[in-house]
Amino acid sequence: MNAVNENMKVVFKKPVSFEGKEYTEVDLSGLENLTTSDLIEADKQFSTSGQFSVMNEVTIGYAVIVAAKASSKPIEFFEHLPASEGLKVKNMVMGFLNA
């Protein structure tokens, strides 16, 4: 199975443990339902977290905020992913935003 598939799911190489539960993937299909207001809120959240970028959508910090809004997972879930899995999430969010 591909690391990122057409169902907007990021499939992990190995299970990820978070708050006592094992995850093998994260579903980001909720990206399709985000509104411009959600993205404005993500921009504000990104700025108030002390992060800065000329292009927010290319940063992993911004991608984590958007991924949390698009899924049922808290930001901390994404922040604790192994780096390679976090980059898969970032790439999916960035690809969606730049499509």
PDB file of N, CA and C in Angstrom:
ATOM      1  N   MET A   1       0.847  -1.191   0.000  1.00  0.00           N
ATOM      2  CA  MET A   1       0.000   0.000   0.000  1.00  0.00           C
ATOM      3  C   MET A   1       0.885   1.244   0.000  1.00  0.00           C
ATOM      4  N   ASN A   2       0.493   2.268  -0.708  1.00  0.00           N
ATOM      5  CA  ASN A   2       1.256   3.513  -0.778  1.00  0.00           C
ATOM      6  C   ASN A   2       1.239   4.239   0.553  1.00  0.00           C
ATOM      7  N   ALA A   3       2.263   5.036   0.813  1.00  0.00           N
ATOM      8  CA  ALA A   3       2.337   5.819   2.045  1.00  0.00           C
ATOM      9  C   ALA A   3       1.218   6.846   2.102  1.00  0.00           C
ATOM     10  N   VAL A   4       0.865   7.391   0.953  1.00  0.00           N
ATOM     11  CA  VAL A   4      -0.241   8.337   0.856  1.00  0.00           C
ATOM     12  C   VAL A   4      -1.126   7.810  -0.260  1.00  0.00           C
ATOM     13  N   ASN A   5      -2.420   7.609   0.038  1.00  0.00           N
ATOM     14  CA  ASN A   5      -3.276   7.038  -0.991  1.00  0.00           C
ATOM     15  C   ASN A   5      -4.381   7.981  -1.414  1.00  0.00           C
ATOM     16  N   GLU A   6      -5.128   7.553  -2.402  1.00  0.00           N
ATOM     17  CA  GLU A   6      -6.169   8.391  -2.987  1.00  0.00           C
ATOM     18  C   GLU A   6      -7.310   8.712  -2.025  1.00  0.00           C
ATOM     19  N   ASN A   7      -7.411   7.990  -0.925  1.00  0.00           N
ATOM     20  CA  ASN A   7      -8.458   8.250   0.065  1.00  0.00           C
ATOM     21  C   ASN A   7      -8.039   9.306   1.080  1.00  0.00           C
ATOM     22  N   MET A   8      -6.933   9.966   0.817  1.00  0.00           N
ATOM     23  CA  MET A   8      -6.391  11.000   1.699  1.00  0.00           C
ATOM     24  C   MET A   8      -6.046  10.451   3.079  1.00  0.00           C
ATOM     25  N   LYS A   9      -5.507   9.243   3.079  1.00  0.00           N
ATOM     26  CA  LYS A   9      -5.024   8.637   4.315  1.00  0.00           C
ATOM     27  C   LYS A   9      -3.513   8.514   4.227  1.00  0.00           C
ATOM     28  N   VAL A  10      -2.851   8.868   5.309  1.00  0.00           N
ATOM     29  CA  VAL A  10      -1.412   8.654   5.414  1.00  0.00           C
ATOM     30  C   VAL A  10      -1.234   7.348   6.174  1.00  0.00           C
ATOM     31  N   VAL A  11      -0.617   6.376   5.519  1.00  0.00           N
ATOM     32  CA  VAL A  11      -0.398   5.059   6.113  1.00  0.00           C
ATOM     33  C   VAL A  11       1.008   5.031   6.703  1.00  0.00           C
ATOM     34  N   PHE A  12       1.091   4.673   7.982  1.00  0.00           N
ATOM     35  CA  PHE A  12       2.373   4.659   8.676  1.00  0.00           C
ATOM     36  C   PHE A  12       3.155   3.381   8.377  1.00  0.00           C
ATOM     37  N   LYS A  13       4.485   3.485   8.349  1.00  0.00           N
ATOM     38  CA  LYS A  13       5.354   2.323   8.123  1.00  0.00           C
ATOM     39  C   LYS A  13       5.164   1.286   9.224  1.00  0.00           C
ATOM     40  N   LYS A  14       5.022   1.783  10.441  1.00  0.00           N
ATOM     41  CA  LYS A  14       4.758   0.900  11.577  1.00  0.00           C
ATOM     42  C   LYS A  14       3.798   1.623  12.504  1.00  0.00           C
ATOM     43  N   PRO A  15       3.062   0.881  13.329  1.00  0.00           N
ATOM     44  CA  PRO A  15       2.068   1.522  14.198  1.00  0.00           C
ATOM     45  C   PRO A  15       2.673   2.614  15.082  1.00  0.00           C
ATOM     46  N   VAL A  16       1.884   3.646  15.274  1.00  0.00           N
ATOM     47  CA  VAL A  16       2.267   4.781  16.107  1.00  0.00           C
ATOM     48  C   VAL A  16       1.379   4.759  17.344  1.00  0.00           C
ATOM     49  N   SER A  17       1.987   4.887  18.503  1.00  0.00           N
ATOM     50  CA  SER A  17       1.242   4.886  19.758  1.00  0.00           C
ATOM     51  C   SER A  17       1.013   6.318  20.217  1.00  0.00           C
ATOM     52  N   PHE A  18      -0.240   6.622  20.582  1.00  0.00           N
ATOM     53  CA  PHE A  18      -0.577   7.943  21.107  1.00  0.00           C
ATOM     54  C   PHE A  18      -1.683   7.787  22.133  1.00  0.00           C
ATOM     55  N   GLU A  19      -1.425   8.272  23.333  1.00  0.00           N
ATOM     56  CA  GLU A  19      -2.371   8.211  24.442  1.00  0.00           C
ATOM     57  C   GLU A  19      -2.932   6.806  24.633  1.00  0.00           C
ATOM     58  N   GLY A  20      -2.031   5.816  24.575  1.00  0.00           N
ATOM     59  CA  GLY A  20      -2.401   4.438  24.849  1.00  0.00           C
ATOM     60  C   GLY A  20      -3.085   3.695  23.716  1.00  0.00           C
ATOM     61  N   LYS A  21      -3.192   4.306  22.558  1.00  0.00           N
ATOM     62  CA  LYS A  21      -3.841   3.660  21.416  1.00  0.00           C
ATOM     63  C   LYS A  21      -2.849   3.566  20.260  1.00  0.00           C
ATOM     64  N   GLU A  22      -2.936   2.474  19.495  1.00  0.00           N
ATOM     65  CA  GLU A  22      -2.072   2.271  18.331  1.00  0.00           C
ATOM     66  C   GLU A  22      -2.784   2.736  17.061  1.00  0.00           C
ATOM     67  N   TYR A  23      -2.057   3.453  16.224  1.00  0.00           N
ATOM     68  CA  TYR A  23      -2.592   3.938  14.948  1.00  0.00           C
ATOM     69  C   TYR A  23      -1.709   3.432  13.817  1.00  0.00           C
ATOM     70  N   THR A  24      -2.337   2.977  12.737  1.00  0.00           N
ATOM     71  CA  THR A  24      -1.600   2.527  11.559  1.00  0.00           C
ATOM     72  C   THR A  24      -1.722   3.528  10.417  1.00  0.00           C
ATOM     73  N   GLU A  25      -2.606   4.503  10.589  1.00  0.00           N
ATOM     74  CA  GLU A  25      -2.835   5.512   9.557  1.00  0.00           C
ATOM     75  C   GLU A  25      -3.550   6.708  10.170  1.00  0.00           C
ATOM     76  N   VAL A  26      -3.607   7.772   9.420  1.00  0.00           N
ATOM     77  CA  VAL A  26      -4.409   8.927   9.816  1.00  0.00           C
ATOM     78  C   VAL A  26      -5.182   9.382   8.582  1.00  0.00           C
ATOM     79  N   ASP A  27      -6.455   9.619   8.781  1.00  0.00           N
ATOM     80  CA  ASP A  27      -7.358  10.012   7.698  1.00  0.00           C
ATOM     81  C   ASP A  27      -7.428  11.535   7.623  1.00  0.00           C
ATOM     82  N   LEU A  28      -7.000  12.085   6.502  1.00  0.00           N
ATOM     83  CA  LEU A  28      -7.030  13.531   6.302  1.00  0.00           C
ATOM     84  C   LEU A  28      -8.071  13.937   5.262  1.00  0.00           C
ATOM     85  N   SER A  29      -9.056  13.081   5.018  1.00  0.00           N
ATOM     86  CA  SER A  29     -10.096  13.409   4.037  1.00  0.00           C
ATOM     87  C   SER A  29     -10.906  14.628   4.462  1.00  0.00           C
ATOM     88  N   GLY A  30     -10.842  14.988   5.735  1.00  0.00           N
ATOM     89  CA  GLY A  30     -11.513  16.188   6.220  1.00  0.00           C
ATOM     90  C   GLY A  30     -10.952  17.467   5.617  1.00  0.00           C
ATOM     91  N   LEU A  31      -9.791  17.384   4.972  1.00  0.00           N
ATOM     92  CA  LEU A  31      -9.243  18.557   4.282  1.00  0.00           C
ATOM     93  C   LEU A  31     -10.250  19.092   3.274  1.00  0.00           C
ATOM     94  N   GLU A  32     -10.992  18.186   2.647  1.00  0.00           N
ATOM     95  CA  GLU A  32     -11.985  18.570   1.635  1.00  0.00           C
ATOM     96  C   GLU A  32     -13.094  19.447   2.215  1.00  0.00           C
ATOM     97  N   ASN A  33     -13.315  19.357   3.522  1.00  0.00           N
ATOM     98  CA  ASN A  33     -14.413  20.081   4.165  1.00  0.00           C
ATOM     99  C   ASN A  33     -13.988  21.367   4.860  1.00  0.00           C
ATOM    100  N   LEU A  34     -12.698  21.671   4.843  1.00  0.00           N
ATOM    101  CA  LEU A  34     -12.239  22.898   5.487  1.00  0.00           C
ATOM    102  C   LEU A  34     -12.751  24.121   4.734  1.00  0.00           C
ATOM    103  N   THR A  35     -12.965  25.186   5.481  1.00  0.00           N
ATOM    104  CA  THR A  35     -13.405  26.448   4.886  1.00  0.00           C
ATOM    105  C   THR A  35     -12.257  27.455   4.931  1.00  0.00           C
ATOM    106  N   THR A  36     -12.430  28.540   4.237  1.00  0.00           N
ATOM    107  CA  THR A  36     -11.438  29.613   4.290  1.00  0.00           C
ATOM    108  C   THR A  36     -11.296  30.111   5.722  1.00  0.00           C
ATOM    109  N   SER A  37     -12.388  30.158   6.442  1.00  0.00           N
ATOM    110  CA  SER A  37     -12.356  30.565   7.847  1.00  0.00           C
ATOM    111  C   SER A  37     -11.460  29.634   8.666  1.00  0.00           C
ATOM    112  N   ASP A  38     -11.516  28.336   8.380  1.00  0.00           N
ATOM    113  CA  ASP A  38     -10.644  27.378   9.074  1.00  0.00           C
ATOM    114  C   ASP A  38      -9.173  27.687   8.805  1.00  0.00           C
ATOM    115  N   LEU A  39      -8.866  28.054   7.572  1.00  0.00           N
ATOM    116  CA  LEU A  39      -7.476  28.364   7.217  1.00  0.00           C
ATOM    117  C   LEU A  39      -7.015  29.675   7.844  1.00  0.00           C
ATOM    118  N   ILE A  40      -7.920  30.645   7.944  1.00  0.00           N
ATOM    119  CA  ILE A  40      -7.589  31.900   8.628  1.00  0.00           C
ATOM    120  C   ILE A  40      -7.290  31.618  10.096  1.00  0.00           C
ATOM    121  N   GLU A  41      -8.104  30.776  10.713  1.00  0.00           N
ATOM    122  CA  GLU A  41      -7.880  30.396  12.109  1.00  0.00           C
ATOM    123  C   GLU A  41      -6.545  29.660  12.250  1.00  0.00           C
ATOM    124  N   ALA A  42      -6.217  28.809  11.301  1.00  0.00           N
ATOM    125  CA  ALA A  42      -4.927  28.106  11.325  1.00  0.00           C
ATOM    126  C   ALA A  42      -3.770  29.100  11.213  1.00  0.00           C
ATOM    127  N   ASP A  43      -3.929  30.124  10.358  1.00  0.00           N
ATOM    128  CA  ASP A  43      -2.902  31.171  10.241  1.00  0.00           C
ATOM    129  C   ASP A  43      -2.689  31.871  11.579  1.00  0.00           C
ATOM    130  N   LYS A  44      -3.789  32.224  12.240  1.00  0.00           N
ATOM    131  CA  LYS A  44      -3.698  32.899  13.543  1.00  0.00           C
ATOM    132  C   LYS A  44      -3.017  31.998  14.566  1.00  0.00           C
ATOM    133  N   GLN A  45      -3.416  30.730  14.585  1.00  0.00           N
ATOM    134  CA  GLN A  45      -2.842  29.780  15.534  1.00  0.00           C
ATOM    135  C   GLN A  45      -1.341  29.601  15.274  1.00  0.00           C
ATOM    136  N   PHE A  46      -0.964  29.543  14.017  1.00  0.00           N
ATOM    137  CA  PHE A  46       0.445  29.408  13.638  1.00  0.00           C
ATOM    138  C   PHE A  46       1.243  30.613  14.138  1.00  0.00           C
ATOM    139  N   SER A  47       0.720  31.805  13.909  1.00  0.00           N
ATOM    140  CA  SER A  47       1.407  33.037  14.326  1.00  0.00           C
ATOM    141  C   SER A  47       1.529  33.142  15.835  1.00  0.00           C
ATOM    142  N   THR A  48       0.450  32.834  16.553  1.00  0.00           N
ATOM    143  CA  THR A  48       0.480  32.964  18.012  1.00  0.00           C
ATOM    144  C   THR A  48       1.317  31.883  18.678  1.00  0.00           C
ATOM    145  N   SER A  49       1.669  30.835  17.931  1.00  0.00           N
ATOM    146  CA  SER A  49       2.527  29.793  18.504  1.00  0.00           C
ATOM    147  C   SER A  49       4.002  30.196  18.458  1.00  0.00           C
ATOM    148  N   GLY A  50       4.272  31.384  17.892  1.00  0.00           N
ATOM    149  CA  GLY A  50       5.642  31.872  17.828  1.00  0.00           C
ATOM    150  C   GLY A  50       6.375  31.469  16.559  1.00  0.00           C
ATOM    151  N   GLN A  51       5.671  30.811  15.657  1.00  0.00           N
ATOM    152  CA  GLN A  51       6.285  30.402  14.392  1.00  0.00           C
ATOM    153  C   GLN A  51       6.067  31.489  13.345  1.00  0.00           C
ATOM    154  N   PHE A  52       6.970  31.543  12.380  1.00  0.00           N
ATOM    155  CA  PHE A  52       6.847  32.537  11.323  1.00  0.00           C
ATOM    156  C   PHE A  52       7.327  31.950  10.005  1.00  0.00           C
ATOM    157  N   SER A  53       6.618  32.288   8.950  1.00  0.00           N
ATOM    158  CA  SER A  53       7.038  31.910   7.605  1.00  0.00           C
ATOM    159  C   SER A  53       6.371  32.851   6.620  1.00  0.00           C
ATOM    160  N   VAL A  54       7.052  33.153   5.553  1.00  0.00           N
ATOM    161  CA  VAL A  54       6.465  33.965   4.495  1.00  0.00           C
ATOM    162  C   VAL A  54       5.365  33.162   3.806  1.00  0.00           C
ATOM    163  N   MET A  55       5.552  31.842   3.744  1.00  0.00           N
ATOM    164  CA  MET A  55       4.567  30.945   3.136  1.00  0.00           C
ATOM    165  C   MET A  55       4.216  29.852   4.144  1.00  0.00           C
ATOM    166  N   ASN A  56       3.211  30.106   4.976  1.00  0.00           N
ATOM    167  CA  ASN A  56       2.832  29.162   6.025  1.00  0.00           C
ATOM    168  C   ASN A  56       2.613  27.747   5.509  1.00  0.00           C
ATOM    169  N   GLU A  57       1.981  27.634   4.344  1.00  0.00           N
ATOM    170  CA  GLU A  57       1.570  26.313   3.862  1.00  0.00           C
ATOM    171  C   GLU A  57       2.729  25.367   3.550  1.00  0.00           C
ATOM    172  N   VAL A  58       3.943  25.859   3.530  1.00  0.00           N
ATOM    173  CA  VAL A  58       5.082  24.975   3.264  1.00  0.00           C
ATOM    174  C   VAL A  58       5.804  24.543   4.540  1.00  0.00           C
ATOM    175  N   THR A  59       5.306  24.950   5.697  1.00  0.00           N
ATOM    176  CA  THR A  59       5.959  24.581   6.955  1.00  0.00           C
ATOM    177  C   THR A  59       5.258  23.400   7.605  1.00  0.00           C
ATOM    178  N   ILE A  60       6.032  22.628   8.327  1.00  0.00           N
ATOM    179  CA  ILE A  60       5.450  21.486   9.019  1.00  0.00           C
ATOM    180  C   ILE A  60       4.566  21.946  10.179  1.00  0.00           C
ATOM    181  N   GLY A  61       4.933  23.059  10.816  1.00  0.00           N
ATOM    182  CA  GLY A  61       4.113  23.580  11.916  1.00  0.00           C
ATOM    183  C   GLY A  61       2.710  23.936  11.473  1.00  0.00           C
ATOM    184  N   TYR A  62       2.601  24.598  10.338  1.00  0.00           N
ATOM    185  CA  TYR A  62       1.288  24.967   9.797  1.00  0.00           C
ATOM    186  C   TYR A  62       0.528  23.723   9.346  1.00  0.00           C
ATOM    187  N   ALA A  63       1.232  22.789   8.708  1.00  0.00           N
ATOM    188  CA  ALA A  63       0.589  21.562   8.237  1.00  0.00           C
ATOM    189  C   ALA A  63      -0.012  20.774   9.393  1.00  0.00           C
ATOM    190  N   VAL A  64       0.678  20.748  10.523  1.00  0.00           N
ATOM    191  CA  VAL A  64       0.180  20.046  11.706  1.00  0.00           C
ATOM    192  C   VAL A  64      -1.123  20.683  12.196  1.00  0.00           C
ATOM    193  N   ILE A  65      -1.174  21.997  12.212  1.00  0.00           N
ATOM    194  CA  ILE A  65      -2.387  22.703  12.645  1.00  0.00           C
ATOM    195  C   ILE A  65      -3.545  22.385  11.706  1.00  0.00           C
ATOM    196  N   VAL A  66      -3.302  22.440  10.405  1.00  0.00           N
ATOM    197  CA  VAL A  66      -4.350  22.159   9.422  1.00  0.00           C
ATOM    198  C   VAL A  66      -4.775  20.690   9.502  1.00  0.00           C
ATOM    199  N   ALA A  67      -3.813  19.781   9.646  1.00  0.00           N
ATOM    200  CA  ALA A  67      -4.133  18.354   9.756  1.00  0.00           C
ATOM    201  C   ALA A  67      -5.011  18.079  10.973  1.00  0.00           C
ATOM    202  N   ALA A  68      -4.717  18.745  12.080  1.00  0.00           N
ATOM    203  CA  ALA A  68      -5.541  18.574  13.277  1.00  0.00           C
ATOM    204  C   ALA A  68      -6.964  19.058  13.029  1.00  0.00           C
ATOM    205  N   LYS A  69      -7.114  20.169  12.315  1.00  0.00           N
ATOM    206  CA  LYS A  69      -8.443  20.681  11.995  1.00  0.00           C
ATOM    207  C   LYS A  69      -9.193  19.732  11.057  1.00  0.00           C
ATOM    208  N   ALA A  70      -8.459  19.037  10.194  1.00  0.00           N
ATOM    209  CA  ALA A  70      -9.072  18.163   9.197  1.00  0.00           C
ATOM    210  C   ALA A  70      -9.373  16.763   9.727  1.00  0.00           C
ATOM    211  N   SER A  71      -8.817  16.436  10.871  1.00  0.00           N
ATOM    212  CA  SER A  71      -8.986  15.090  11.427  1.00  0.00           C
ATOM    213  C   SER A  71      -9.596  15.181  12.820  1.00  0.00           C
ATOM    214  N   SER A  72      -9.779  14.050  13.416  1.00  0.00           N
ATOM    215  CA  SER A  72     -10.298  14.026  14.789  1.00  0.00           C
ATOM    216  C   SER A  72      -9.164  13.956  15.805  1.00  0.00           C
ATOM    217  N   LYS A  73      -7.954  14.249  15.364  1.00  0.00           N
ATOM    218  CA  LYS A  73      -6.775  14.132  16.223  1.00  0.00           C
ATOM    219  C   LYS A  73      -6.301  15.505  16.701  1.00  0.00           C
ATOM    220  N   PRO A  74      -5.786  15.570  17.930  1.00  0.00           N
ATOM    221  CA  PRO A  74      -5.241  16.846  18.418  1.00  0.00           C
ATOM    222  C   PRO A  74      -3.885  17.142  17.781  1.00  0.00           C
ATOM    223  N   ILE A  75      -3.466  18.376  17.865  1.00  0.00           N
ATOM    224  CA  ILE A  75      -2.163  18.784  17.331  1.00  0.00           C
ATOM    225  C   ILE A  75      -1.050  17.906  17.905  1.00  0.00           C
ATOM    226  N   GLU A  76      -1.152  17.565  19.172  1.00  0.00           N
ATOM    227  CA  GLU A  76      -0.116  16.765  19.831  1.00  0.00           C
ATOM    228  C   GLU A  76       0.083  15.408  19.151  1.00  0.00           C
ATOM    229  N   PHE A  77      -0.984  14.842  18.590  1.00  0.00           N
ATOM    230  CA  PHE A  77      -0.857  13.581  17.856  1.00  0.00           C
ATOM    231  C   PHE A  77       0.159  13.737  16.730  1.00  0.00           C
ATOM    232  N   PHE A  78       0.014  14.801  15.966  1.00  0.00           N
ATOM    233  CA  PHE A  78       0.893  15.035  14.817  1.00  0.00           C
ATOM    234  C   PHE A  78       2.298  15.437  15.252  1.00  0.00           C
ATOM    235  N   GLU A  79       2.398  16.199  16.340  1.00  0.00           N
ATOM    236  CA  GLU A  79       3.706  16.632  16.832  1.00  0.00           C
ATOM    237  C   GLU A  79       4.554  15.462  17.324  1.00  0.00           C
ATOM    238  N   HIS A  80       3.916  14.377  17.744  1.00  0.00           N
ATOM    239  CA  HIS A  80       4.648  13.233  18.278  1.00  0.00           C
ATOM    240  C   HIS A  80       4.881  12.126  17.247  1.00  0.00           C
ATOM    241  N   LEU A  81       4.497  12.352  15.999  1.00  0.00           N
ATOM    242  CA  LEU A  81       4.773  11.361  14.958  1.00  0.00           C
ATOM    243  C   LEU A  81       6.272  11.291  14.693  1.00  0.00           C
ATOM    244  N   PRO A  82       6.766  10.123  14.282  1.00  0.00           N
ATOM    245  CA  PRO A  82       8.156  10.065  13.820  1.00  0.00           C
ATOM    246  C   PRO A  82       8.333  11.060  12.668  1.00  0.00           C
ATOM    247  N   ALA A  83       9.522  11.589  12.512  1.00  0.00           N
ATOM    248  CA  ALA A  83       9.769  12.637  11.515  1.00  0.00           C
ATOM    249  C   ALA A  83       9.305  12.239  10.115  1.00  0.00           C
ATOM    250  N   SER A  84       9.591  11.011   9.702  1.00  0.00           N
ATOM    251  CA  SER A  84       9.207  10.599   8.344  1.00  0.00           C
ATOM    252  C   SER A  84       7.696  10.593   8.159  1.00  0.00           C
ATOM    253  N   GLU A  85       6.961  10.240   9.204  1.00  0.00           N
ATOM    254  CA  GLU A  85       5.497  10.226   9.121  1.00  0.00           C
ATOM    255  C   GLU A  85       4.953  11.657   9.153  1.00  0.00           C
ATOM    256  N   GLY A  86       5.578  12.509   9.954  1.00  0.00           N
ATOM    257  CA  GLY A  86       5.183  13.915   9.991  1.00  0.00           C
ATOM    258  C   GLY A  86       5.379  14.586   8.641  1.00  0.00           C
ATOM    259  N   LEU A  87       6.445  14.212   7.955  1.00  0.00           N
ATOM    260  CA  LEU A  87       6.687  14.773   6.623  1.00  0.00           C
ATOM    261  C   LEU A  87       5.655  14.287   5.612  1.00  0.00           C
ATOM    262  N   LYS A  88       5.187  13.048   5.754  1.00  0.00           N
ATOM    263  CA  LYS A  88       4.116  12.557   4.871  1.00  0.00           C
ATOM    264  C   LYS A  88       2.854  13.387   5.071  1.00  0.00           C
ATOM    265  N   VAL A  89       2.539  13.680   6.338  1.00  0.00           N
ATOM    266  CA  VAL A  89       1.365  14.508   6.644  1.00  0.00           C
ATOM    267  C   VAL A  89       1.553  15.891   6.036  1.00  0.00           C
ATOM    268  N   LYS A  90       2.723  16.481   6.255  1.00  0.00           N
ATOM    269  CA  LYS A  90       3.007  17.810   5.698  1.00  0.00           C
ATOM    270  C   LYS A  90       2.837  17.814   4.187  1.00  0.00           C
ATOM    271  N   ASN A  91       3.376  16.817   3.522  1.00  0.00           N
ATOM    272  CA  ASN A  91       3.298  16.763   2.065  1.00  0.00           C
ATOM    273  C   ASN A  91       1.864  16.620   1.569  1.00  0.00           C
ATOM    274  N   MET A  92       1.041  15.855   2.299  1.00  0.00           N
ATOM    275  CA  MET A  92      -0.354  15.714   1.886  1.00  0.00           C
ATOM    276  C   MET A  92      -1.094  17.038   2.061  1.00  0.00           C
ATOM    277  N   VAL A  93      -0.902  17.694   3.201  1.00  0.00           N
ATOM    278  CA  VAL A  93      -1.567  18.978   3.451  1.00  0.00           C
ATOM    279  C   VAL A  93      -1.093  20.012   2.434  1.00  0.00           C
ATOM    280  N   MET A  94       0.207  20.100   2.229  1.00  0.00           N
ATOM    281  CA  MET A  94       0.761  21.062   1.285  1.00  0.00           C
ATOM    282  C   MET A  94       0.256  20.782  -0.133  1.00  0.00           C
ATOM    283  N   GLY A  95       0.217  19.522  -0.521  1.00  0.00           N
ATOM    284  CA  GLY A  95      -0.289  19.160  -1.839  1.00  0.00           C
ATOM    285  C   GLY A  95      -1.742  19.542  -2.013  1.00  0.00           C
ATOM    286  N   PHE A  96      -2.532  19.336  -0.961  1.00  0.00           N
ATOM    287  CA  PHE A  96      -3.947  19.702  -1.015  1.00  0.00           C
ATOM    288  C   PHE A  96      -4.107  21.212  -1.153  1.00  0.00           C
ATOM    289  N   LEU A  97      -3.374  21.958  -0.338  1.00  0.00           N
ATOM    290  CA  LEU A  97      -3.502  23.415  -0.353  1.00  0.00           C
ATOM    291  C   LEU A  97      -2.995  24.033  -1.650  1.00  0.00           C
ATOM    292  N   ASN A  98      -2.060  23.379  -2.301  1.00  0.00           N
ATOM    293  CA  ASN A  98      -1.481  23.920  -3.528  1.00  0.00           C
ATOM    294  C   ASN A  98      -2.054  23.301  -4.799  1.00  0.00           C
ATOM    295  N   ALA A  99      -3.088  22.505  -4.657  1.00  0.00           N
ATOM    296  CA  ALA A  99      -3.693  21.839  -5.837  1.00  0.00           C
ATOM    297  C   ALA A  99      -4.489  22.822  -6.669  1.00  0.00           C
TER     298      ALA A  99
END
